[in-house]
C-alpha atoms as a PDB file:
ATOM      1  CA  MET A   1      -5.027  -9.532   1.369  1.00  0.00           C
ATOM      2  CA  SER A   2      -7.353  -7.889  -1.114  1.00  0.00           C
ATOM      3  CA  SER A   3      -6.293  -5.796  -4.078  1.00  0.00           C
ATOM      4  CA  ASP A   4      -7.665  -2.718  -2.278  1.00  0.00           C
ATOM      5  CA  SER A   5      -4.834  -3.036   0.250  1.00  0.00           C
ATOM      6  CA  LEU A   6      -2.395  -1.550  -2.246  1.00  0.00           C
ATOM      7  CA  ALA A   7      -2.957   2.028  -3.385  1.00  0.00           C
ATOM      8  CA  VAL A   8      -2.030   1.376  -6.996  1.00  0.00           C
ATOM      9  CA  PHE A   9      -4.850  -1.177  -7.436  1.00  0.00           C
ATOM     10  CA  ARG A  10      -7.697   0.728  -5.760  1.00  0.00           C
ATOM     11  CA  LYS A  11     -10.663   1.419  -7.987  1.00  0.00           C
ATOM     12  CA  GLY A  12     -14.055   3.014  -7.343  1.00  0.00           C
ATOM     13  CA  PHE A  13     -16.988   2.285  -5.086  1.00  0.00           C
ATOM     14  CA  GLY A  14     -18.683  -0.424  -7.115  1.00  0.00           C
ATOM     15  CA  PRO A  15     -21.024  -0.313 -10.107  1.00  0.00           C
ATOM     16  CA  ASP A  16     -24.063   1.148  -8.304  1.00  0.00           C
ATOM     17  CA  LEU A  17     -22.230   4.003  -6.625  1.00  0.00           C
ATOM     18  CA  ASN A  18     -20.127   4.679  -9.722  1.00  0.00           C
ATOM     19  CA  GLU A  19     -23.353   5.110 -11.709  1.00  0.00           C
ATOM     20  CA  LEU A  20     -24.709   7.469  -9.068  1.00  0.00           C
ATOM     21  CA  ALA A  21     -21.464   9.466  -9.041  1.00  0.00           C
ATOM     22  CA  GLU A  22     -21.495   9.700 -12.836  1.00  0.00           C
ATOM     23  CA  LYS A  23     -25.083  11.005 -12.719  1.00  0.00           C
ATOM     24  CA  HIS A  24     -24.088  13.718 -10.242  1.00  0.00           C
ATOM     25  CA  MET A  25     -21.050  14.622 -12.343  1.00  0.00           C
ATOM     26  CA  GLN A  26     -23.215  15.112 -15.433  1.00  0.00           C
ATOM     27  CA  HIS A  27     -26.017  17.095 -13.770  1.00  0.00           C
ATOM     28  CA  ASP A  28     -24.344  19.055 -10.969  1.00  0.00           C
ATOM     29  CA  LEU A  29     -21.035  20.094 -12.548  1.00  0.00           C
ATOM     30  CA  THR A  30     -19.909  22.127 -15.529  1.00  0.00           C
ATOM     31  CA  SER A  31     -17.514  20.725 -18.118  1.00  0.00           C
ATOM     32  CA  SER A  32     -14.603  22.652 -16.598  1.00  0.00           C
ATOM     33  CA  ASP A  33     -15.422  21.139 -13.187  1.00  0.00           C
ATOM     34  CA  ARG A  34     -15.471  17.649 -14.711  1.00  0.00           C
ATOM     35  CA  ASP A  35     -12.141  18.317 -16.412  1.00  0.00           C
ATOM     36  CA  ALA A  36     -10.667  19.554 -13.131  1.00  0.00           C
ATOM     37  CA  LEU A  37     -11.862  16.396 -11.360  1.00  0.00           C
ATOM     38  CA  LYS A  38     -10.493  14.141 -14.113  1.00  0.00           C
ATOM     39  CA  ASN A  39      -7.141  15.925 -13.972  1.00  0.00           C
ATOM     40  CA  ALA A  40      -7.103  15.573 -10.190  1.00  0.00           C
ATOM     41  CA  ALA A  41      -7.923  11.860 -10.456  1.00  0.00           C
ATOM     42  CA  SER A  42      -5.165  11.305 -13.005  1.00  0.00           C
ATOM     43  CA  THR A  43      -2.743  13.181 -10.732  1.00  0.00           C
ATOM     44  CA  VAL A  44      -3.596  10.895  -7.824  1.00  0.00           C
ATOM     45  CA  SER A  45      -3.249   7.818 -10.023  1.00  0.00           C
ATOM     46  CA  LEU A  46       0.089   8.981 -11.414  1.00  0.00           C
ATOM     47  CA  HIS A  47       1.484   9.737  -7.951  1.00  0.00           C
ATOM     48  CA  ALA A  48       0.330   6.360  -6.588  1.00  0.00           C
ATOM     49  CA  THR A  49       1.895   4.515  -9.529  1.00  0.00           C
ATOM     50  CA  LEU A  50       5.163   6.438  -9.344  1.00  0.00           C
ATOM     51  CA  GLY A  51       5.270   6.048  -5.562  1.00  0.00           C
ATOM     52  CA  SER A  52       4.741   2.302  -5.865  1.00  0.00           C
ATOM     53  CA  ALA A  53       7.470   1.987  -8.501  1.00  0.00           C
ATOM     54  CA  LEU A  54       9.876   4.115  -6.486  1.00  0.00           C
ATOM     55  CA  GLY A  55       9.072   2.137  -3.326  1.00  0.00           C
ATOM     56  CA  ILE A  56       9.799  -1.160  -5.075  1.00  0.00           C
ATOM     57  CA  ALA A  57      13.043   0.185  -6.563  1.00  0.00           C
ATOM     58  CA  LEU A  58      14.315   1.511  -3.238  1.00  0.00           C
ATOM     59  CA  SER A  59      13.330  -1.645  -1.373  1.00  0.00           C
ATOM     60  CA  VAL A  60      15.112  -3.871  -3.917  1.00  0.00           C
ATOM     61  CA  LEU A  61      18.194  -1.664  -3.576  1.00  0.00           C
ATOM     62  CA  LEU A  62      17.988  -1.970   0.214  1.00  0.00           C
ATOM     63  CA  ALA A  63      17.541  -5.744  -0.043  1.00  0.00           C
ATOM     64  CA  TYR A  64      20.610  -5.945  -2.271  1.00  0.00           C
ATOM     65  CA  ARG A  65      22.612  -3.937   0.278  1.00  0.00           C
ATOM     66  CA  ILE A  66      21.434  -6.194   3.102  1.00  0.00           C
ATOM     67  CA  ARG A  67      22.370  -9.269   1.065  1.00  0.00           C
ATOM     68  CA  SER A  68      25.849  -7.862   0.348  1.00  0.00           C
ATOM     69  CA  GLY A  69      26.341  -7.044   4.017  1.00  0.00           C
ATOM     70  CA  ARG A  70      25.244 -10.513   5.042  1.00  0.00           C
ATOM     71  CA  LYS A  71      27.705 -12.100   2.592  1.00  0.00           C
ATOM     72  CA  ALA A  72      30.552  -9.877   3.805  1.00  0.00           C
ATOM     73  CA  MET A  73      29.764 -10.727   7.420  1.00  0.00           C
ATOM     74  CA  PHE A  74      29.794 -14.438   6.577  1.00  0.00           C
ATOM     75  CA  ARG A  75      33.152 -14.172   4.779  1.00  0.00           C
ATOM     76  CA  THR A  76      34.591 -12.359   7.795  1.00  0.00           C
ATOM     77  CA  PHE A  77      33.176 -14.931  10.196  1.00  0.00           C
ATOM     78  CA  ARG A  78      34.468 -17.825   8.086  1.00  0.00           C
ATOM     79  CA  THR A  79      38.027 -16.485   7.886  1.00  0.00           C
ATOM     80  CA  ALA A  80      38.231 -15.432  11.535  1.00  0.00           C
ATOM     81  CA  GLU A  81      39.966 -17.742  13.956  1.00  0.00           C
ATOM     82  CA  LYS A  82      37.359 -19.510  16.033  1.00  0.00           C
ATOM     83  CA  PRO A  83      37.878 -21.556  19.171  1.00  0.00           C
ATOM     84  CA  SER A  84      37.395 -25.283  18.619  1.00  0.00           C
ATOM     85  CA  ALA A  85      37.021 -26.321  22.242  1.00  0.00           C
ATOM     86  CA  VAL A  86      36.319 -24.938  25.699  1.00  0.00           C
ATOM     87  CA  ARG A  87      38.459 -26.014  28.647  1.00  0.00           C
ATOM     88  CA  PHE A  88      36.754 -25.782  32.034  1.00  0.00           C
ATOM     89  CA  ALA A  89      38.429 -25.156  35.408  1.00  0.00           C
ATOM     90  CA  ASP A  90      38.119 -28.819  36.383  1.00  0.00           C
ATOM     91  CA  GLY A  91      40.183 -29.808  33.315  1.00  0.00           C
ATOM     92  CA  ARG A  92      37.415 -31.211  31.206  1.00  0.00           C
ATOM     93  CA  GLU A  93      37.295 -30.111  27.558  1.00  0.00           C
ATOM     94  CA  GLU A  94      34.169 -29.718  25.403  1.00  0.00           C
ATOM     95  CA  VAL A  95      34.337 -29.511  21.629  1.00  0.00           C
ATOM     96  CA  LEU A  96      32.435 -26.559  20.148  1.00  0.00           C
ATOM     97  CA  PRO A  97      30.295 -27.287  17.102  1.00  0.00           C
ATOM     98  CA  ASP A  98      31.111 -25.543  13.839  1.00  0.00           C
ATOM     99  CA  LEU A  99      28.401 -22.927  13.223  1.00  0.00           C
ATOM    100  CA  THR A 100      29.664 -21.940   9.781  1.00  0.00           C
ATOM    101  CA  PRO A 101      27.042 -23.915   7.800  1.00  0.00           C
ATOM    102  CA  LEU A 102      24.237 -22.414   9.898  1.00  0.00           C
ATOM    103  CA  LEU A 103      25.362 -18.841   9.237  1.00  0.00           C
ATOM    104  CA  ARG A 104      25.880 -19.276   5.482  1.00  0.00           C
ATOM    105  CA  PRO A 105      23.569 -16.992   3.456  1.00  0.00           C
ATOM    106  CA  SER A 106      20.915 -19.097   1.747  1.00  0.00           C
ATOM    107  CA  ARG A 107      18.807 -18.660  -1.356  1.00  0.00           C
ATOM    108  CA  ALA A 108      15.651 -18.886   0.796  1.00  0.00           C
ATOM    109  CA  GLY A 109      16.903 -16.002   2.945  1.00  0.00           C
ATOM    110  CA  ASP A 110      17.590 -13.953  -0.171  1.00  0.00           C
ATOM    111  CA  VAL A 111      14.118 -14.677  -1.560  1.00  0.00           C
ATOM    112  CA  ALA A 112      12.518 -13.740   1.774  1.00  0.00           C
ATOM    113  CA  THR A 113      14.560 -10.540   2.013  1.00  0.00           C
ATOM    114  CA  PHE A 114      13.757  -9.395  -1.515  1.00  0.00           C
ATOM    115  CA  GLY A 115      10.117 -10.503  -1.244  1.00  0.00           C
ATOM    116  CA  PHE A 116       9.263  -8.889   2.074  1.00  0.00           C
ATOM    117  CA  LEU A 117      11.179  -5.695   1.399  1.00  0.00           C
ATOM    118  CA  GLY A 118       9.663  -5.494  -2.093  1.00  0.00           C
ATOM    119  CA  LEU A 119       6.131  -5.814  -0.747  1.00  0.00           C
ATOM    120  CA  GLY A 120       6.871  -3.317   2.013  1.00  0.00           C
ATOM    121  CA  GLY A 121       8.290  -0.870  -0.518  1.00  0.00           C
ATOM    122  CA  LEU A 122       5.259  -1.328  -2.755  1.00  0.00           C
ATOM    123  CA  PHE A 123       2.900  -0.626   0.151  1.00  0.00           C
ATOM    124  CA  VAL A 124       4.773   2.313   1.679  1.00  0.00           C
ATOM    125  CA  GLY A 125       5.638   3.900  -1.680  1.00  0.00           C
ATOM    126  CA  GLY A 126       2.083   3.513  -2.960  1.00  0.00           C
ATOM    127  CA  GLU A 127       0.556   5.014   0.153  1.00  0.00           C
ATOM    128  CA  LEU A 128       2.991   7.937   0.156  1.00  0.00           C
ATOM    129  CA  GLY A 129       2.286   8.459  -3.545  1.00  0.00           C
ATOM    130  CA  LEU A 130      -1.439   8.384  -2.846  1.00  0.00           C
ATOM    131  CA  LEU A 131      -0.980  10.956  -0.097  1.00  0.00           C
ATOM    132  CA  SER A 132       1.151  13.294  -2.220  1.00  0.00           C
ATOM    133  CA  GLY A 133      -1.195  12.882  -5.205  1.00  0.00           C
ATOM    134  CA  SER A 134      -4.206  13.661  -3.035  1.00  0.00           C
ATOM    135  CA  LEU A 135      -2.561  16.803  -1.709  1.00  0.00           C
ATOM    136  CA  GLN A 136      -1.594  17.920  -5.218  1.00  0.00           C
ATOM    137  CA  ALA A 137      -5.108  17.190  -6.542  1.00  0.00           C
ATOM    138  CA  ARG A 138      -6.666  19.082  -3.644  1.00  0.00           C
ATOM    139  CA  ARG A 139      -4.427  22.052  -4.353  1.00  0.00           C
ATOM    140  CA  SER A 140      -5.391  22.070  -8.035  1.00  0.00           C
ATOM    141  CA  ILE A 141      -9.129  21.852  -7.258  1.00  0.00           C
ATOM    142  CA  ASN A 142      -8.942  24.596  -4.621  1.00  0.00           C
ATOM    143  CA  GLN A 143      -7.463  27.130  -7.069  1.00  0.00           C
ATOM    144  CA  ASP A 144     -10.878  28.254  -8.364  1.00  0.00           C
ATOM    145  CA  GLY A 145     -13.279  29.107  -5.530  1.00  0.00           C
ATOM    146  CA  GLU A 146     -16.536  28.836  -7.530  1.00  0.00           C
ATOM    147  CA  SER A 147     -15.546  25.522  -9.060  1.00  0.00           C
ATOM    148  CA  ARG A 148     -14.532  24.229  -5.631  1.00  0.00           C
ATOM    149  CA  GLU A 149     -17.973  25.088  -4.228  1.00  0.00           C
ATOM    150  CA  ARG A 150     -19.791  23.363  -7.117  1.00  0.00           C
ATOM    151  CA  ILE A 151     -17.634  20.259  -6.719  1.00  0.00           C
ATOM    152  CA  ARG A 152     -18.139  20.291  -2.950  1.00  0.00           C
ATOM    153  CA  ASN A 153     -21.925  20.612  -3.291  1.00  0.00           C
ATOM    154  CA  ALA A 154     -22.062  17.871  -5.933  1.00  0.00           C
ATOM    155  CA  PHE A 155     -20.046  15.602  -3.639  1.00  0.00           C
ATOM    156  CA  LEU A 156     -22.345  16.335  -0.704  1.00  0.00           C
ATOM    157  CA  ARG A 157     -25.395  15.517  -2.850  1.00  0.00           C
ATOM    158  CA  PHE A 158     -23.728  12.298  -4.000  1.00  0.00           C
ATOM    159  CA  GLN A 159     -22.871  11.396  -0.418  1.00  0.00           C
ATOM    160  CA  ALA A 160     -26.469  12.022   0.691  1.00  0.00           C
ATOM    161  CA  ASP A 161     -27.806   9.836  -2.145  1.00  0.00           C
ATOM    162  CA  ALA A 162     -25.309   7.088  -1.330  1.00  0.00           C
ATOM    163  CA  LEU A 163     -26.346   7.156   2.331  1.00  0.00           C
ATOM    164  CA  ARG A 164     -30.016   7.018   1.309  1.00  0.00           C
ATOM    165  CA  LYS A 165     -29.286   3.935  -0.808  1.00  0.00           C
ATOM    166  CA  GLU A 166     -27.467   2.297   2.085  1.00  0.00           C
ATOM    167  CA  ALA A 167     -30.336   3.133   4.452  1.00  0.00           C
ATOM    168  CA  GLU A 168     -32.836   1.619   1.982  1.00  0.00           C
ATOM    169  CA  ALA A 169     -30.749  -1.562   1.819  1.00  0.00           C
ATOM    170  CA  LEU A 170     -30.629  -1.716   5.612  1.00  0.00           C
ATOM    171  CA  GLU A 171     -34.386  -1.158   5.876  1.00  0.00           C
ATOM    172  CA  LYS A 172     -35.006  -3.891   3.328  1.00  0.00           C
ATOM    173  CA  ASN A 173     -32.846  -6.303   5.336  1.00  0.00           C
ATOM    174  CA  VAL A 174     -34.585  -5.390   8.599  1.00  0.00           C
ATOM    175  CA  THR A 175     -38.047  -5.934   7.129  1.00  0.00           C
ATOM    176  CA  SER A 176     -37.013  -9.231   5.513  1.00  0.00           C
ATOM    177  CA  GLY A 177     -35.651 -10.418   8.869  1.00  0.00           C
ATOM    178  CA  GLY A 178     -32.035 -10.931   7.925  1.00  0.00           C
ATOM    179  CA  MET A 179     -28.672  -9.348   7.514  1.00  0.00           C
ATOM    180  CA  GLY A 180     -28.007 -11.127   4.239  1.00  0.00           C
ATOM    181  CA  GLY A 181     -27.224  -8.357   1.778  1.00  0.00           C
ATOM    182  CA  ILE A 182     -24.657  -6.349   3.671  1.00  0.00           C
ATOM    183  CA  TRP A 183     -22.691  -8.667   5.975  1.00  0.00           C
ATOM    184  CA  LYS A 184     -22.057 -11.750   3.928  1.00  0.00           C
END
């Protein structure tokens, strides 16, 4: 699992594309557009971080509730009267094994419960935070129509340049007779 799997740890595109994006931000956008984009990016980051933290908190709470329920169920099972043997129609009697030690809550089960639910909460909370932050950022950028068009055009120019760079890398690999640079 890479660090890009979790929304809170996602960064940019890499040094080359970040440089290209920075160049487009400086030349194609006004200072108010850059400020709007930086505010939108910080909104997305804040929402992803808060979503991840909230997801972890709720999943730990859920894990604690599951653990408490498991302990209560074990106490009930332990105190309940259990049959010790089974008598068959032909008169033979079989002793039933005591399952109490197998049903006892263990530390390994607690660790697994808290670990898996914590990771699930981190993932789900982070992704929901990323989604809500993206929607909020989009709403804030779309408030000014002229700024939105400049940002959209700058992004399209950046995307075209990025695709040109990728095409050049592919052409270079085709002419050199290998697929070395891209699919390592």
